Amino acid sequence: MATGTPDSQARFGQSVKGLLTEKVNTCGTDVIALTKQVLKGSRSSELLGQAARNMVLQEDAILHSEDSLRKMAIITTHLQYQQEAIQKNSGHDLTAHEIKPLVGLCAESMQPARDPPSLPLPHLHIHTHSLSLSK
């Protein structure tokens, strides 16, 4: 009960063999693509971990900078209060325009200044956290 001639069976065998080879090649290509994707995925998780570590370091630096800025703002406020207290208690506000000519007089003379101009400033006692004035 032969269903075909030996020629047709050979052609059928060749076409099956060709289809099988084509499927094997396609599967091989798919396995290579899958392997590349898995490698990319493993590298991605490594890069994400490194990015997370860097982000934590940056966050710490930002928090430290923010803390330093808060401290500097507090110090600036205290210095402004102290400056206002000095100006209030001295009875005379010295500005840069008033100080500059006095410095210029000493610097322009060829001889050293023997008697610097007297300025009406109170005696200052400086403490670590406050500035007190006494006359």
N, C-alpha and C. Protein backbone atom coordinates (compact mmCIF):
# COMPACT_ATOMS: atom_id res chain seq x y z
N MET A 1 0.82 -1.17 0.00
CA MET A 1 0.00 0.00 0.00
C MET A 1 0.88 1.24 0.00
N ALA A 2 1.60 1.40 -1.03
CA ALA A 2 2.47 2.56 -1.17
C ALA A 2 1.64 3.72 -1.68
N THR A 3 1.82 4.91 -1.08
CA THR A 3 1.00 6.06 -1.42
C THR A 3 1.67 6.96 -2.42
N GLY A 4 2.87 6.74 -2.71
CA GLY A 4 3.52 7.60 -3.67
C GLY A 4 4.72 6.93 -4.25
N THR A 5 5.27 7.59 -5.22
CA THR A 5 6.46 7.08 -5.86
C THR A 5 7.67 7.44 -5.03
N PRO A 6 8.77 6.73 -5.25
CA PRO A 6 9.97 7.06 -4.49
C PRO A 6 10.41 8.50 -4.72
N ASP A 7 10.14 9.05 -5.86
CA ASP A 7 10.50 10.44 -6.14
C ASP A 7 9.71 11.41 -5.25
N SER A 8 8.43 11.19 -5.14
CA SER A 8 7.60 12.08 -4.33
C SER A 8 7.94 11.95 -2.84
N GLN A 9 8.29 10.72 -2.44
CA GLN A 9 8.69 10.54 -1.05
C GLN A 9 10.01 11.26 -0.76
N ALA A 10 10.89 11.25 -1.68
CA ALA A 10 12.18 11.94 -1.52
C ALA A 10 11.95 13.45 -1.43
N ARG A 11 11.05 13.95 -2.31
CA ARG A 11 10.75 15.39 -2.27
C ARG A 11 10.08 15.76 -0.95
N PHE A 12 9.17 14.91 -0.51
CA PHE A 12 8.50 15.16 0.77
C PHE A 12 9.52 15.15 1.91
N GLY A 13 10.44 14.23 1.92
CA GLY A 13 11.49 14.14 2.93
C GLY A 13 12.38 15.38 2.91
N GLN A 14 12.69 15.84 1.69
CA GLN A 14 13.53 17.04 1.56
C GLN A 14 12.79 18.26 2.09
N SER A 15 11.52 18.39 1.78
CA SER A 15 10.78 19.57 2.26
C SER A 15 10.62 19.53 3.77
N VAL A 16 10.40 18.33 4.33
CA VAL A 16 10.31 18.23 5.79
C VAL A 16 11.65 18.55 6.40
N LYS A 17 12.71 18.06 5.78
CA LYS A 17 14.05 18.34 6.29
C LYS A 17 14.34 19.84 6.21
N GLY A 18 13.92 20.47 5.13
CA GLY A 18 14.12 21.93 4.97
C GLY A 18 13.33 22.70 6.01
N LEU A 19 12.06 22.30 6.22
CA LEU A 19 11.24 22.97 7.23
C LEU A 19 11.83 22.78 8.63
N LEU A 20 12.31 21.61 8.90
CA LEU A 20 12.90 21.31 10.19
C LEU A 20 14.16 22.17 10.41
N THR A 21 14.99 22.27 9.38
CA THR A 21 16.20 23.09 9.46
C THR A 21 15.83 24.55 9.69
N GLU A 22 14.82 25.01 8.98
CA GLU A 22 14.37 26.40 9.14
C GLU A 22 13.86 26.65 10.55
N LYS A 23 13.08 25.72 11.10
CA LYS A 23 12.56 25.86 12.47
C LYS A 23 13.70 25.84 13.50
N VAL A 24 14.70 24.98 13.29
CA VAL A 24 15.85 24.92 14.20
C VAL A 24 16.60 26.24 14.18
N ASN A 25 16.79 26.80 12.97
CA ASN A 25 17.47 28.09 12.86
C ASN A 25 16.67 29.19 13.56
N THR A 26 15.37 29.20 13.39
CA THR A 26 14.51 30.20 14.04
C THR A 26 14.59 30.07 15.55
N CYS A 27 14.53 28.83 16.04
CA CYS A 27 14.64 28.60 17.49
C CYS A 27 16.00 29.04 18.02
N GLY A 28 17.06 28.77 17.26
CA GLY A 28 18.40 29.20 17.66
C GLY A 28 18.49 30.71 17.74
N THR A 29 17.92 31.40 16.76
CA THR A 29 17.91 32.87 16.76
C THR A 29 17.13 33.40 17.96
N ASP A 30 15.98 32.77 18.25
CA ASP A 30 15.18 33.19 19.40
C ASP A 30 15.92 32.98 20.73
N VAL A 31 16.66 31.86 20.83
CA VAL A 31 17.43 31.59 22.05
C VAL A 31 18.54 32.63 22.21
N ILE A 32 19.18 33.00 21.12
CA ILE A 32 20.23 34.03 21.18
C ILE A 32 19.64 35.36 21.61
N ALA A 33 18.49 35.74 21.05
CA ALA A 33 17.83 37.00 21.42
C ALA A 33 17.43 36.97 22.89
N LEU A 34 16.90 35.86 23.34
CA LEU A 34 16.50 35.72 24.74
C LEU A 34 17.71 35.85 25.66
N THR A 35 18.81 35.22 25.29
CA THR A 35 20.04 35.30 26.09
C THR A 35 20.52 36.74 26.19
N LYS A 36 20.50 37.45 25.05
CA LYS A 36 20.92 38.86 25.07
C LYS A 36 20.01 39.68 25.97
N GLN A 37 18.72 39.42 25.92
CA GLN A 37 17.77 40.16 26.75
C GLN A 37 17.99 39.88 28.24
N VAL A 38 18.27 38.62 28.58
CA VAL A 38 18.54 38.27 29.98
C VAL A 38 19.81 38.96 30.46
N LEU A 39 20.84 38.99 29.61
CA LEU A 39 22.08 39.67 29.99
C LEU A 39 21.85 41.16 30.18
N LYS A 40 21.05 41.76 29.29
CA LYS A 40 20.72 43.18 29.44
C LYS A 40 19.97 43.40 30.74
N GLY A 41 19.04 42.49 31.05
CA GLY A 41 18.25 42.62 32.27
C GLY A 41 19.12 42.52 33.51
N SER A 42 20.09 41.60 33.51
CA SER A 42 20.95 41.48 34.68
C SER A 42 21.85 42.71 34.81
N ARG A 43 22.29 43.25 33.71
CA ARG A 43 23.11 44.47 33.73
C ARG A 43 22.26 45.65 34.18
N SER A 44 21.00 45.67 33.76
CA SER A 44 20.10 46.75 34.16
C SER A 44 19.91 46.77 35.67
N SER A 45 19.73 45.59 36.27
CA SER A 45 19.53 45.57 37.72
C SER A 45 20.80 46.02 38.44
N GLU A 46 21.95 45.69 37.89
CA GLU A 46 23.22 46.14 38.47
C GLU A 46 23.32 47.66 38.39
N LEU A 47 22.98 48.21 37.22
CA LEU A 47 23.02 49.66 37.05
C LEU A 47 21.99 50.36 37.93
N LEU A 48 20.81 49.76 38.08
CA LEU A 48 19.80 50.34 38.96
C LEU A 48 20.28 50.35 40.41
N GLY A 49 20.93 49.28 40.83
CA GLY A 49 21.47 49.23 42.19
C GLY A 49 22.52 50.30 42.41
N GLN A 50 23.39 50.48 41.44
CA GLN A 50 24.43 51.51 41.54
C GLN A 50 23.80 52.89 41.55
N ALA A 51 22.78 53.10 40.73
CA ALA A 51 22.10 54.40 40.71
C ALA A 51 21.42 54.67 42.05
N ALA A 52 20.84 53.64 42.66
CA ALA A 52 20.19 53.81 43.96
C ALA A 52 21.22 54.19 45.03
N ARG A 53 22.38 53.54 45.01
CA ARG A 53 23.44 53.87 45.98
C ARG A 53 23.90 55.32 45.79
N ASN A 54 24.09 55.72 44.53
CA ASN A 54 24.52 57.09 44.26
C ASN A 54 23.46 58.10 44.71
N MET A 55 22.19 57.74 44.53
CA MET A 55 21.12 58.64 44.92
C MET A 55 21.09 58.82 46.44
N VAL A 56 21.34 57.74 47.18
CA VAL A 56 21.38 57.84 48.64
C VAL A 56 22.53 58.74 49.08
N LEU A 57 23.68 58.60 48.43
CA LEU A 57 24.83 59.45 48.77
C LEU A 57 24.51 60.91 48.49
N GLN A 58 23.87 61.18 47.34
CA GLN A 58 23.51 62.54 46.99
C GLN A 58 22.49 63.11 47.97
N GLU A 59 21.55 62.27 48.38
CA GLU A 59 20.53 62.72 49.33
C GLU A 59 21.18 63.11 50.65
N ASP A 60 22.15 62.31 51.11
CA ASP A 60 22.87 62.65 52.34
C ASP A 60 23.61 63.97 52.20
N ALA A 61 24.24 64.17 51.06
CA ALA A 61 24.97 65.43 50.83
C ALA A 61 23.99 66.62 50.81
N ILE A 62 22.84 66.43 50.19
CA ILE A 62 21.85 67.51 50.13
C ILE A 62 21.33 67.83 51.53
N LEU A 63 21.04 66.81 52.32
CA LEU A 63 20.55 67.03 53.68
C LEU A 63 21.60 67.74 54.53
N HIS A 64 22.87 67.36 54.36
CA HIS A 64 23.95 68.01 55.10
C HIS A 64 24.07 69.49 54.68
N SER A 65 23.96 69.75 53.39
CA SER A 65 24.03 71.13 52.90
C SER A 65 22.86 71.95 53.42
N GLU A 66 21.68 71.35 53.43
CA GLU A 66 20.50 72.04 53.94
C GLU A 66 20.67 72.39 55.41
N ASP A 67 21.22 71.47 56.18
CA ASP A 67 21.47 71.71 57.60
C ASP A 67 22.49 72.84 57.78
N SER A 68 23.53 72.83 56.97
CA SER A 68 24.54 73.89 57.04
C SER A 68 23.94 75.24 56.69
N LEU A 69 23.07 75.28 55.68
CA LEU A 69 22.44 76.54 55.31
C LEU A 69 21.54 77.06 56.43
N ARG A 70 20.81 76.17 57.10
CA ARG A 70 19.98 76.59 58.23
C ARG A 70 20.84 77.19 59.33
N LYS A 71 21.96 76.54 59.63
CA LYS A 71 22.86 77.04 60.68
C LYS A 71 23.43 78.41 60.29
N MET A 72 23.81 78.56 59.01
CA MET A 72 24.35 79.84 58.56
C MET A 72 23.30 80.93 58.63
N ALA A 73 22.04 80.61 58.34
CA ALA A 73 20.96 81.59 58.43
C ALA A 73 20.78 82.05 59.87
N ILE A 74 20.87 81.11 60.81
CA ILE A 74 20.74 81.46 62.22
C ILE A 74 21.89 82.35 62.65
N ILE A 75 23.11 82.00 62.24
CA ILE A 75 24.29 82.81 62.58
C ILE A 75 24.16 84.20 61.99
N THR A 76 23.70 84.29 60.74
CA THR A 76 23.52 85.59 60.08
C THR A 76 22.53 86.45 60.86
N THR A 77 21.44 85.85 61.29
CA THR A 77 20.44 86.59 62.07
C THR A 77 21.05 87.10 63.37
N HIS A 78 21.81 86.25 64.07
CA HIS A 78 22.45 86.68 65.32
C HIS A 78 23.44 87.81 65.07
N LEU A 79 24.21 87.71 63.99
CA LEU A 79 25.17 88.77 63.69
C LEU A 79 24.46 90.09 63.35
N GLN A 80 23.32 90.01 62.68
CA GLN A 80 22.56 91.23 62.38
C GLN A 80 22.05 91.87 63.67
N TYR A 81 21.55 91.04 64.60
CA TYR A 81 21.10 91.58 65.89
C TYR A 81 22.26 92.23 66.64
N GLN A 82 23.41 91.59 66.60
CA GLN A 82 24.57 92.14 67.28
C GLN A 82 25.02 93.45 66.64
N GLN A 83 24.99 93.50 65.32
CA GLN A 83 25.37 94.73 64.61
C GLN A 83 24.41 95.86 64.97
N GLU A 84 23.13 95.57 65.01
CA GLU A 84 22.15 96.59 65.39
C GLU A 84 22.37 97.07 66.81
N ALA A 85 22.70 96.15 67.71
CA ALA A 85 22.95 96.52 69.10
C ALA A 85 24.19 97.40 69.22
N ILE A 86 25.22 97.07 68.47
CA ILE A 86 26.45 97.88 68.49
C ILE A 86 26.16 99.27 67.96
N GLN A 87 25.46 99.35 66.85
CA GLN A 87 25.15 100.66 66.27
C GLN A 87 24.26 101.48 67.20
N LYS A 88 23.31 100.82 67.83
CA LYS A 88 22.40 101.52 68.74
C LYS A 88 23.15 102.05 69.95
N ASN A 89 24.03 101.23 70.52
CA ASN A 89 24.74 101.63 71.73
C ASN A 89 25.92 102.56 71.46
N SER A 90 26.44 102.57 70.26
CA SER A 90 27.57 103.46 69.98
C SER A 90 27.10 104.87 69.70
N GLY A 91 25.87 105.04 69.31
CA GLY A 91 25.34 106.37 69.03
C GLY A 91 25.79 106.89 67.68
N HIS A 92 26.58 106.13 66.96
CA HIS A 92 27.05 106.59 65.65
C HIS A 92 27.16 105.39 64.73
N ASP A 93 26.53 105.49 63.60
CA ASP A 93 26.60 104.41 62.62
C ASP A 93 27.75 104.68 61.66
N LEU A 94 28.74 103.83 61.67
CA LEU A 94 29.85 103.96 60.73
C LEU A 94 29.47 103.24 59.45
N THR A 95 29.67 103.91 58.36
CA THR A 95 29.41 103.30 57.06
C THR A 95 30.74 103.12 56.35
N ALA A 96 30.70 102.43 55.25
CA ALA A 96 31.92 102.22 54.47
C ALA A 96 32.46 103.55 53.95
N HIS A 97 31.57 104.51 53.66
CA HIS A 97 32.01 105.82 53.16
C HIS A 97 32.77 106.61 54.23
N GLU A 98 32.41 106.40 55.49
CA GLU A 98 33.09 107.11 56.56
C GLU A 98 34.42 106.45 56.93
N ILE A 99 34.50 105.16 56.82
CA ILE A 99 35.72 104.44 57.20
C ILE A 99 36.77 104.58 56.11
N LYS A 100 36.38 104.56 54.85
CA LYS A 100 37.33 104.57 53.74
C LYS A 100 38.24 105.79 53.74
N PRO A 101 37.75 107.03 53.95
CA PRO A 101 38.68 108.17 53.98
C PRO A 101 39.68 108.08 55.13
N LEU A 102 39.27 107.54 56.26
CA LEU A 102 40.19 107.42 57.38
C LEU A 102 41.32 106.45 57.06
N VAL A 103 41.00 105.36 56.41
CA VAL A 103 42.02 104.40 56.00
C VAL A 103 42.91 105.01 54.94
N GLY A 104 42.32 105.76 54.01
CA GLY A 104 43.09 106.39 52.94
C GLY A 104 44.09 107.38 53.48
N LEU A 105 43.73 108.14 54.52
CA LEU A 105 44.67 109.11 55.09
C LEU A 105 45.91 108.42 55.63
N CYS A 106 45.74 107.31 56.31
CA CYS A 106 46.89 106.58 56.85
C CYS A 106 47.71 105.95 55.73
N ALA A 107 47.06 105.45 54.70
CA ALA A 107 47.77 104.76 53.63
C ALA A 107 48.50 105.72 52.72
N GLU A 108 47.99 106.97 52.55
CA GLU A 108 48.60 107.90 51.62
C GLU A 108 49.84 108.59 52.21
N SER A 109 49.92 108.73 53.50
CA SER A 109 51.07 109.41 54.08
C SER A 109 52.29 108.51 54.00
N MET A 110 53.43 109.11 53.80
CA MET A 110 54.67 108.35 53.68
C MET A 110 55.15 107.88 55.04
N GLN A 111 54.76 108.59 56.09
CA GLN A 111 55.18 108.22 57.42
C GLN A 111 54.09 107.35 58.05
N PRO A 112 54.49 106.45 58.91
CA PRO A 112 53.47 105.63 59.57
C PRO A 112 52.55 106.49 60.43
N ALA A 113 51.32 106.15 60.46
CA ALA A 113 50.36 106.90 61.26
C ALA A 113 50.65 106.66 62.73
N ARG A 114 50.93 107.76 63.45
CA ARG A 114 51.27 107.62 64.86
C ARG A 114 50.02 107.61 65.71
N ASP A 115 49.14 108.52 65.41
CA ASP A 115 47.91 108.62 66.18
C ASP A 115 46.74 108.36 65.25
N PRO A 116 46.20 107.17 65.29
CA PRO A 116 45.05 106.92 64.41
C PRO A 116 43.87 107.76 64.88
N PRO A 117 43.02 108.12 63.98
CA PRO A 117 41.86 108.93 64.38
C PRO A 117 41.04 108.19 65.43
N SER A 118 40.58 108.94 66.40
CA SER A 118 39.81 108.30 67.47
C SER A 118 38.36 108.14 67.02
N LEU A 119 37.84 106.98 67.27
CA LEU A 119 36.46 106.69 66.92
C LEU A 119 35.67 106.44 68.19
N PRO A 120 34.49 106.96 68.28
CA PRO A 120 33.70 106.77 69.51
C PRO A 120 33.03 105.40 69.55
N LEU A 121 33.81 104.37 69.78
CA LEU A 121 33.26 103.02 69.88
C LEU A 121 33.34 102.56 71.32
N PRO A 122 32.33 101.87 71.80
CA PRO A 122 32.37 101.34 73.17
C PRO A 122 33.32 100.15 73.25
N HIS A 123 33.69 99.81 74.45
CA HIS A 123 34.54 98.63 74.68
C HIS A 123 33.68 97.38 74.48
N LEU A 124 34.14 96.43 73.68
CA LEU A 124 33.36 95.25 73.36
C LEU A 124 33.89 94.04 74.11
N HIS A 125 32.97 93.27 74.69
CA HIS A 125 33.31 91.98 75.28
C HIS A 125 32.64 90.93 74.41
N ILE A 126 33.41 90.09 73.80
CA ILE A 126 32.86 89.09 72.88
C ILE A 126 32.80 87.75 73.59
N HIS A 127 31.62 87.16 73.58
CA HIS A 127 31.42 85.83 74.12
C HIS A 127 31.13 84.89 72.96
N THR A 128 31.08 83.60 73.25
CA THR A 128 30.90 82.63 72.18
C THR A 128 29.53 82.74 71.51
N HIS A 129 28.50 83.10 72.24
CA HIS A 129 27.17 83.11 71.64
C HIS A 129 26.54 84.48 71.62
N SER A 130 27.12 85.45 72.30
CA SER A 130 26.50 86.77 72.33
C SER A 130 27.57 87.84 72.36
N LEU A 131 27.15 89.04 72.11
CA LEU A 131 28.05 90.19 72.11
C LEU A 131 27.48 91.16 73.12
N SER A 132 28.24 91.48 74.14
CA SER A 132 27.76 92.44 75.14
C SER A 132 28.59 93.70 75.03
N LEU A 133 27.97 94.80 75.34
CA LEU A 133 28.61 96.11 75.24
C LEU A 133 28.71 96.73 76.63
N SER A 134 29.82 97.37 76.91
CA SER A 134 29.93 98.13 78.18
C SER A 134 30.68 99.41 77.86
N LYS A 135 30.31 100.45 78.56
CA LYS A 135 30.93 101.77 78.32
C LYS A 135 31.88 102.12 79.44
